[in-house]
Amino acid sequence: MSSIPGLPDFSGVDALYAGLILSTCFLGITILQSWNYGNHNRDSWGLRSFVALLVACDVWSTVATAIICILTCPST
């Protein structure tokens, strides 16, 4: 399969690994936004708890994906 000129060749990158990289980048953005939300908004504790739950689910998902990548990665 030929690649598009000017773009890097990602033929050796697994989709799960690429998803992990993107997920980790977005996790950093999510943590930063939730930190700013917690420090600057005066919403009810119910809403703040819901935001904390969503961030915890995002962290869990990223960690689970990383564990799957480590366990399924071929030995080099």
PDB file of N, CA and C in Angstrom:
ATOM      1  N   MET A   1       0.844  -1.174   0.000  1.00  0.00           N
ATOM      2  CA  MET A   1       0.000   0.000   0.000  1.00  0.00           C
ATOM      3  C   MET A   1       0.893   1.241   0.000  1.00  0.00           C
ATOM      4  N   SER A   2       0.629   2.151  -0.878  1.00  0.00           N
ATOM      5  CA  SER A   2       1.433   3.366  -0.947  1.00  0.00           C
ATOM      6  C   SER A   2       0.892   4.395   0.031  1.00  0.00           C
ATOM      7  N   SER A   3       1.811   5.190   0.546  1.00  0.00           N
ATOM      8  CA  SER A   3       1.401   6.235   1.487  1.00  0.00           C
ATOM      9  C   SER A   3       1.231   7.561   0.752  1.00  0.00           C
ATOM     10  N   ILE A   4       0.548   8.457   1.390  1.00  0.00           N
ATOM     11  CA  ILE A   4       0.327   9.786   0.823  1.00  0.00           C
ATOM     12  C   ILE A   4       1.613  10.592   0.963  1.00  0.00           C
ATOM     13  N   PRO A   5       2.066  11.219  -0.102  1.00  0.00           N
ATOM     14  CA  PRO A   5       3.305  11.993  -0.015  1.00  0.00           C
ATOM     15  C   PRO A   5       3.156  13.140   0.992  1.00  0.00           C
ATOM     16  N   GLY A   6       4.194  13.334   1.784  1.00  0.00           N
ATOM     17  CA  GLY A   6       4.192  14.415   2.757  1.00  0.00           C
ATOM     18  C   GLY A   6       3.712  13.994   4.137  1.00  0.00           C
ATOM     19  N   LEU A   7       3.092  12.813   4.255  1.00  0.00           N
ATOM     20  CA  LEU A   7       2.637  12.327   5.554  1.00  0.00           C
ATOM     21  C   LEU A   7       3.553  11.208   6.026  1.00  0.00           C
ATOM     22  N   PRO A   8       3.779  11.110   7.334  1.00  0.00           N
ATOM     23  CA  PRO A   8       4.636  10.029   7.820  1.00  0.00           C
ATOM     24  C   PRO A   8       3.977   8.670   7.618  1.00  0.00           C
ATOM     25  N   ASP A   9       4.787   7.640   7.557  1.00  0.00           N
ATOM     26  CA  ASP A   9       4.291   6.285   7.365  1.00  0.00           C
ATOM     27  C   ASP A   9       3.984   5.660   8.727  1.00  0.00           C
ATOM     28  N   PHE A  10       2.710   5.376   8.976  1.00  0.00           N
ATOM     29  CA  PHE A  10       2.285   4.789  10.242  1.00  0.00           C
ATOM     30  C   PHE A  10       1.918   3.314  10.085  1.00  0.00           C
ATOM     31  N   SER A  11       2.515   2.631   9.140  1.00  0.00           N
ATOM     32  CA  SER A  11       2.138   1.247   8.881  1.00  0.00           C
ATOM     33  C   SER A  11       2.509   0.324  10.035  1.00  0.00           C
ATOM     34  N   GLY A  12       3.508   0.674  10.825  1.00  0.00           N
ATOM     35  CA  GLY A  12       3.909  -0.170  11.946  1.00  0.00           C
ATOM     36  C   GLY A  12       3.200   0.153  13.246  1.00  0.00           C
ATOM     37  N   VAL A  13       2.339   1.172  13.256  1.00  0.00           N
ATOM     38  CA  VAL A  13       1.664   1.589  14.482  1.00  0.00           C
ATOM     39  C   VAL A  13       0.318   0.884  14.568  1.00  0.00           C
ATOM     40  N   ASP A  14       0.122   0.171  15.657  1.00  0.00           N
ATOM     41  CA  ASP A  14      -1.130  -0.512  15.901  1.00  0.00           C
ATOM     42  C   ASP A  14      -2.212   0.514  16.275  1.00  0.00           C
ATOM     43  N   ALA A  15      -3.440   0.226  15.926  1.00  0.00           N
ATOM     44  CA  ALA A  15      -4.536   1.153  16.217  1.00  0.00           C
ATOM     45  C   ALA A  15      -4.733   1.338  17.718  1.00  0.00           C
ATOM     46  N   LEU A  16      -4.548   0.291  18.492  1.00  0.00           N
ATOM     47  CA  LEU A  16      -4.692   0.384  19.948  1.00  0.00           C
ATOM     48  C   LEU A  16      -3.621   1.294  20.534  1.00  0.00           C
ATOM     49  N   TYR A  17      -2.412   1.178  20.035  1.00  0.00           N
ATOM     50  CA  TYR A  17      -1.321   2.023  20.510  1.00  0.00           C
ATOM     51  C   TYR A  17      -1.558   3.487  20.133  1.00  0.00           C
ATOM     52  N   ALA A  18      -2.009   3.735  18.924  1.00  0.00           N
ATOM     53  CA  ALA A  18      -2.306   5.110  18.504  1.00  0.00           C
ATOM     54  C   ALA A  18      -3.450   5.683  19.334  1.00  0.00           C
ATOM     55  N   GLY A  19      -4.442   4.853  19.629  1.00  0.00           N
ATOM     56  CA  GLY A  19      -5.543   5.301  20.479  1.00  0.00           C
ATOM     57  C   GLY A  19      -5.073   5.620  21.881  1.00  0.00           C
ATOM     58  N   LEU A  20      -4.119   4.851  22.379  1.00  0.00           N
ATOM     59  CA  LEU A  20      -3.570   5.124  23.715  1.00  0.00           C
ATOM     60  C   LEU A  20      -2.850   6.469  23.751  1.00  0.00           C
ATOM     61  N   ILE A  21      -2.114   6.758  22.709  1.00  0.00           N
ATOM     62  CA  ILE A  21      -1.404   8.042  22.661  1.00  0.00           C
ATOM     63  C   ILE A  21      -2.399   9.204  22.647  1.00  0.00           C
ATOM     64  N   LEU A  22      -3.414   9.099  21.816  1.00  0.00           N
ATOM     65  CA  LEU A  22      -4.424  10.165  21.773  1.00  0.00           C
ATOM     66  C   LEU A  22      -5.199  10.261  23.084  1.00  0.00           C
ATOM     67  N   SER A  23      -5.549   9.131  23.650  1.00  0.00           N
ATOM     68  CA  SER A  23      -6.285   9.107  24.907  1.00  0.00           C
ATOM     69  C   SER A  23      -5.476   9.750  26.029  1.00  0.00           C
ATOM     70  N   THR A  24      -4.186   9.496  26.054  1.00  0.00           N
ATOM     71  CA  THR A  24      -3.332  10.076  27.085  1.00  0.00           C
ATOM     72  C   THR A  24      -3.227  11.591  26.921  1.00  0.00           C
ATOM     73  N   CYS A  25      -3.139  12.060  25.698  1.00  0.00           N
ATOM     74  CA  CYS A  25      -3.114  13.509  25.459  1.00  0.00           C
ATOM     75  C   CYS A  25      -4.420  14.158  25.905  1.00  0.00           C
ATOM     76  N   PHE A  26      -5.529  13.541  25.546  1.00  0.00           N
ATOM     77  CA  PHE A  26      -6.825  14.092  25.944  1.00  0.00           C
ATOM     78  C   PHE A  26      -7.045  13.985  27.451  1.00  0.00           C
ATOM     79  N   LEU A  27      -6.457  12.982  28.094  1.00  0.00           N
ATOM     80  CA  LEU A  27      -6.572  12.863  29.543  1.00  0.00           C
ATOM     81  C   LEU A  27      -5.902  14.044  30.235  1.00  0.00           C
ATOM     82  N   GLY A  28      -4.762  14.449  29.734  1.00  0.00           N
ATOM     83  CA  GLY A  28      -4.101  15.624  30.300  1.00  0.00           C
ATOM     84  C   GLY A  28      -4.951  16.870  30.171  1.00  0.00           C
ATOM     85  N   ILE A  29      -5.585  17.041  29.036  1.00  0.00           N
ATOM     86  CA  ILE A  29      -6.469  18.187  28.826  1.00  0.00           C
ATOM     87  C   ILE A  29      -7.670  18.109  29.771  1.00  0.00           C
ATOM     88  N   THR A  30      -8.228  16.905  29.934  1.00  0.00           N
ATOM     89  CA  THR A  30      -9.377  16.720  30.818  1.00  0.00           C
ATOM     90  C   THR A  30      -9.028  17.035  32.264  1.00  0.00           C
ATOM     91  N   ILE A  31      -7.869  16.579  32.713  1.00  0.00           N
ATOM     92  CA  ILE A  31      -7.446  16.847  34.085  1.00  0.00           C
ATOM     93  C   ILE A  31      -7.246  18.340  34.306  1.00  0.00           C
ATOM     94  N   LEU A  32      -6.641  19.017  33.353  1.00  0.00           N
ATOM     95  CA  LEU A  32      -6.448  20.463  33.469  1.00  0.00           C
ATOM     96  C   LEU A  32      -7.781  21.197  33.521  1.00  0.00           C
ATOM     97  N   GLN A  33      -8.717  20.826  32.663  1.00  0.00           N
ATOM     98  CA  GLN A  33     -10.027  21.482  32.663  1.00  0.00           C
ATOM     99  C   GLN A  33     -10.793  21.206  33.950  1.00  0.00           C
ATOM    100  N   SER A  34     -10.722  19.986  34.449  1.00  0.00           N
ATOM    101  CA  SER A  34     -11.444  19.677  35.685  1.00  0.00           C
ATOM    102  C   SER A  34     -10.813  20.385  36.883  1.00  0.00           C
ATOM    103  N   TRP A  35      -9.501  20.535  36.864  1.00  0.00           N
ATOM    104  CA  TRP A  35      -8.830  21.284  37.941  1.00  0.00           C
ATOM    105  C   TRP A  35      -9.287  22.743  37.937  1.00  0.00           C
ATOM    106  N   ASN A  36      -9.325  23.335  36.753  1.00  0.00           N
ATOM    107  CA  ASN A  36      -9.802  24.716  36.656  1.00  0.00           C
ATOM    108  C   ASN A  36     -11.271  24.826  37.058  1.00  0.00           C
ATOM    109  N   TYR A  37     -12.071  23.849  36.675  1.00  0.00           N
ATOM    110  CA  TYR A  37     -13.484  23.841  37.044  1.00  0.00           C
ATOM    111  C   TYR A  37     -13.645  23.772  38.562  1.00  0.00           C
ATOM    112  N   GLY A  38     -12.891  22.885  39.195  1.00  0.00           N
ATOM    113  CA  GLY A  38     -13.002  22.726  40.640  1.00  0.00           C
ATOM    114  C   GLY A  38     -12.539  23.939  41.416  1.00  0.00           C
ATOM    115  N   ASN A  39     -11.593  24.673  40.870  1.00  0.00           N
ATOM    116  CA  ASN A  39     -11.064  25.837  41.583  1.00  0.00           C
ATOM    117  C   ASN A  39     -11.817  27.130  41.312  1.00  0.00           C
ATOM    118  N   HIS A  40     -12.526  27.230  40.200  1.00  0.00           N
ATOM    119  CA  HIS A  40     -13.117  28.505  39.830  1.00  0.00           C
ATOM    120  C   HIS A  40     -14.632  28.527  39.800  1.00  0.00           C
ATOM    121  N   ASN A  41     -15.298  27.382  39.846  1.00  0.00           N
ATOM    122  CA  ASN A  41     -16.762  27.365  39.827  1.00  0.00           C
ATOM    123  C   ASN A  41     -17.297  27.067  41.209  1.00  0.00           C
ATOM    124  N   ARG A  42     -18.448  27.617  41.506  1.00  0.00           N
ATOM    125  CA  ARG A  42     -19.092  27.396  42.796  1.00  0.00           C
ATOM    126  C   ARG A  42     -20.409  26.656  42.595  1.00  0.00           C
ATOM    127  N   ASP A  43     -20.367  25.572  41.835  1.00  0.00           N
ATOM    128  CA  ASP A  43     -21.560  24.774  41.602  1.00  0.00           C
ATOM    129  C   ASP A  43     -21.841  23.898  42.820  1.00  0.00           C
ATOM    130  N   SER A  44     -22.974  23.235  42.778  1.00  0.00           N
ATOM    131  CA  SER A  44     -23.353  22.365  43.891  1.00  0.00           C
ATOM    132  C   SER A  44     -22.399  21.175  43.976  1.00  0.00           C
ATOM    133  N   TRP A  45     -22.379  20.541  45.140  1.00  0.00           N
ATOM    134  CA  TRP A  45     -21.496  19.395  45.331  1.00  0.00           C
ATOM    135  C   TRP A  45     -21.908  18.216  44.468  1.00  0.00           C
ATOM    136  N   GLY A  46     -23.187  18.130  44.151  1.00  0.00           N
ATOM    137  CA  GLY A  46     -23.636  17.052  43.279  1.00  0.00           C
ATOM    138  C   GLY A  46     -23.015  17.147  41.895  1.00  0.00           C
ATOM    139  N   LEU A  47     -22.992  18.356  41.346  1.00  0.00           N
ATOM    140  CA  LEU A  47     -22.406  18.550  40.016  1.00  0.00           C
ATOM    141  C   LEU A  47     -20.893  18.369  40.051  1.00  0.00           C
ATOM    142  N   ARG A  48     -20.262  18.869  41.096  1.00  0.00           N
ATOM    143  CA  ARG A  48     -18.817  18.695  41.226  1.00  0.00           C
ATOM    144  C   ARG A  48     -18.449  17.224  41.372  1.00  0.00           C
ATOM    145  N   SER A  49     -19.261  16.483  42.110  1.00  0.00           N
ATOM    146  CA  SER A  49     -19.015  15.048  42.275  1.00  0.00           C
ATOM    147  C   SER A  49     -19.184  14.309  40.957  1.00  0.00           C
ATOM    148  N   PHE A  50     -20.162  14.732  40.159  1.00  0.00           N
ATOM    149  CA  PHE A  50     -20.368  14.112  38.860  1.00  0.00           C
ATOM    150  C   PHE A  50     -19.180  14.357  37.940  1.00  0.00           C
ATOM    151  N   VAL A  51     -18.637  15.558  37.950  1.00  0.00           N
ATOM    152  CA  VAL A  51     -17.447  15.863  37.147  1.00  0.00           C
ATOM    153  C   VAL A  51     -16.270  15.020  37.625  1.00  0.00           C
ATOM    154  N   ALA A  52     -16.115  14.873  38.936  1.00  0.00           N
ATOM    155  CA  ALA A  52     -15.034  14.036  39.476  1.00  0.00           C
ATOM    156  C   ALA A  52     -15.204  12.582  39.054  1.00  0.00           C
ATOM    157  N   LEU A  53     -16.434  12.094  39.035  1.00  0.00           N
ATOM    158  CA  LEU A  53     -16.699  10.725  38.589  1.00  0.00           C
ATOM    159  C   LEU A  53     -16.321  10.551  37.117  1.00  0.00           C
ATOM    160  N   LEU A  54     -16.660  11.510  36.290  1.00  0.00           N
ATOM    161  CA  LEU A  54     -16.321  11.428  34.868  1.00  0.00           C
ATOM    162  C   LEU A  54     -14.807  11.428  34.651  1.00  0.00           C
ATOM    163  N   VAL A  55     -14.090  12.251  35.423  1.00  0.00           N
ATOM    164  CA  VAL A  55     -12.631  12.285  35.305  1.00  0.00           C
ATOM    165  C   VAL A  55     -12.042  10.949  35.767  1.00  0.00           C
ATOM    166  N   ALA A  56     -12.578  10.391  36.851  1.00  0.00           N
ATOM    167  CA  ALA A  56     -12.091   9.099  37.339  1.00  0.00           C
ATOM    168  C   ALA A  56     -12.331   8.002  36.303  1.00  0.00           C
ATOM    169  N   CYS A  57     -13.475   8.033  35.635  1.00  0.00           N
ATOM    170  CA  CYS A  57     -13.751   7.047  34.578  1.00  0.00           C
ATOM    171  C   CYS A  57     -12.786   7.214  33.407  1.00  0.00           C
ATOM    172  N   ASP A  58     -12.436   8.452  33.084  1.00  0.00           N
ATOM    173  CA  ASP A  58     -11.492   8.700  31.995  1.00  0.00           C
ATOM    174  C   ASP A  58     -10.100   8.183  32.365  1.00  0.00           C
ATOM    175  N   VAL A  59      -9.685   8.421  33.607  1.00  0.00           N
ATOM    176  CA  VAL A  59      -8.385   7.916  34.064  1.00  0.00           C
ATOM    177  C   VAL A  59      -8.378   6.393  34.026  1.00  0.00           C
ATOM    178  N   TRP A  60      -9.453   5.766  34.534  1.00  0.00           N
ATOM    179  CA  TRP A  60      -9.542   4.305  34.537  1.00  0.00           C
ATOM    180  C   TRP A  60      -9.466   3.749  33.119  1.00  0.00           C
ATOM    181  N   SER A  61     -10.151   4.377  32.191  1.00  0.00           N
ATOM    182  CA  SER A  61     -10.154   3.913  30.810  1.00  0.00           C
ATOM    183  C   SER A  61      -8.757   3.999  30.194  1.00  0.00           C
ATOM    184  N   THR A  62      -8.049   5.072  30.455  1.00  0.00           N
ATOM    185  CA  THR A  62      -6.706   5.232  29.906  1.00  0.00           C
ATOM    186  C   THR A  62      -5.746   4.218  30.525  1.00  0.00           C
ATOM    187  N   VAL A  63      -5.847   4.001  31.826  1.00  0.00           N
ATOM    188  CA  VAL A  63      -4.989   3.019  32.489  1.00  0.00           C
ATOM    189  C   VAL A  63      -5.293   1.612  31.971  1.00  0.00           C
ATOM    190  N   ALA A  64      -6.564   1.282  31.808  1.00  0.00           N
ATOM    191  CA  ALA A  64      -6.938  -0.038  31.296  1.00  0.00           C
ATOM    192  C   ALA A  64      -6.402  -0.245  29.883  1.00  0.00           C
ATOM    193  N   THR A  65      -6.482   0.771  29.046  1.00  0.00           N
ATOM    194  CA  THR A  65      -5.952   0.666  27.691  1.00  0.00           C
ATOM    195  C   THR A  65      -4.436   0.483  27.709  1.00  0.00           C
ATOM    196  N   ALA A  66      -3.753   1.188  28.615  1.00  0.00           N
ATOM    197  CA  ALA A  66      -2.302   1.037  28.726  1.00  0.00           C
ATOM    198  C   ALA A  66      -1.937  -0.379  29.165  1.00  0.00           C
ATOM    199  N   ILE A  67      -2.688  -0.937  30.104  1.00  0.00           N
ATOM    200  CA  ILE A  67      -2.416  -2.298  30.558  1.00  0.00           C
ATOM    201  C   ILE A  67      -2.629  -3.291  29.415  1.00  0.00           C
ATOM    202  N   ILE A  68      -3.692  -3.098  28.651  1.00  0.00           N
ATOM    203  CA  ILE A  68      -3.950  -3.977  27.508  1.00  0.00           C
ATOM    204  C   ILE A  68      -2.826  -3.871  26.489  1.00  0.00           C
ATOM    205  N   CYS A  69      -2.352  -2.658  26.238  1.00  0.00           N
ATOM    206  CA  CYS A  69      -1.248  -2.477  25.282  1.00  0.00           C
ATOM    207  C   CYS A  69       0.016  -3.179  25.781  1.00  0.00           C
ATOM    208  N   ILE A  70       0.286  -3.098  27.071  1.00  0.00           N
ATOM    209  CA  ILE A  70       1.491  -3.722  27.621  1.00  0.00           C
ATOM    210  C   ILE A  70       1.387  -5.243  27.538  1.00  0.00           C
ATOM    211  N   LEU A  71       0.207  -5.777  27.859  1.00  0.00           N
ATOM    212  CA  LEU A  71       0.047  -7.225  27.875  1.00  0.00           C
ATOM    213  C   LEU A  71       0.004  -7.836  26.480  1.00  0.00           C
ATOM    214  N   THR A  72      -0.461  -7.085  25.499  1.00  0.00           N
ATOM    215  CA  THR A  72      -0.573  -7.640  24.151  1.00  0.00           C
ATOM    216  C   THR A  72       0.578  -7.239  23.242  1.00  0.00           C
ATOM    217  N   CYS A  73       1.483  -6.425  23.718  1.00  0.00           N
ATOM    218  CA  CYS A  73       2.589  -5.985  22.883  1.00  0.00           C
ATOM    219  C   CYS A  73       3.572  -7.133  22.682  1.00  0.00           C
ATOM    220  N   PRO A  74       4.011  -7.328  21.455  1.00  0.00           N
ATOM    221  CA  PRO A  74       4.959  -8.424  21.201  1.00  0.00           C
ATOM    222  C   PRO A  74       6.316  -8.113  21.814  1.00  0.00           C
ATOM    223  N   SER A  75       6.988  -9.135  22.288  1.00  0.00           N
ATOM    224  CA  SER A  75       8.331  -8.971  22.871  1.00  0.00           C
ATOM    225  C   SER A  75       9.311  -8.638  21.759  1.00  0.00           C
ATOM    226  N   THR A  76      10.199  -7.706  22.053  1.00  0.00           N
ATOM    227  CA  THR A  76      11.212  -7.344  21.057  1.00  0.00           C
ATOM    228  C   THR A  76      12.582  -7.729  21.526  1.00  0.00           C
TER     229      THR A  76
END
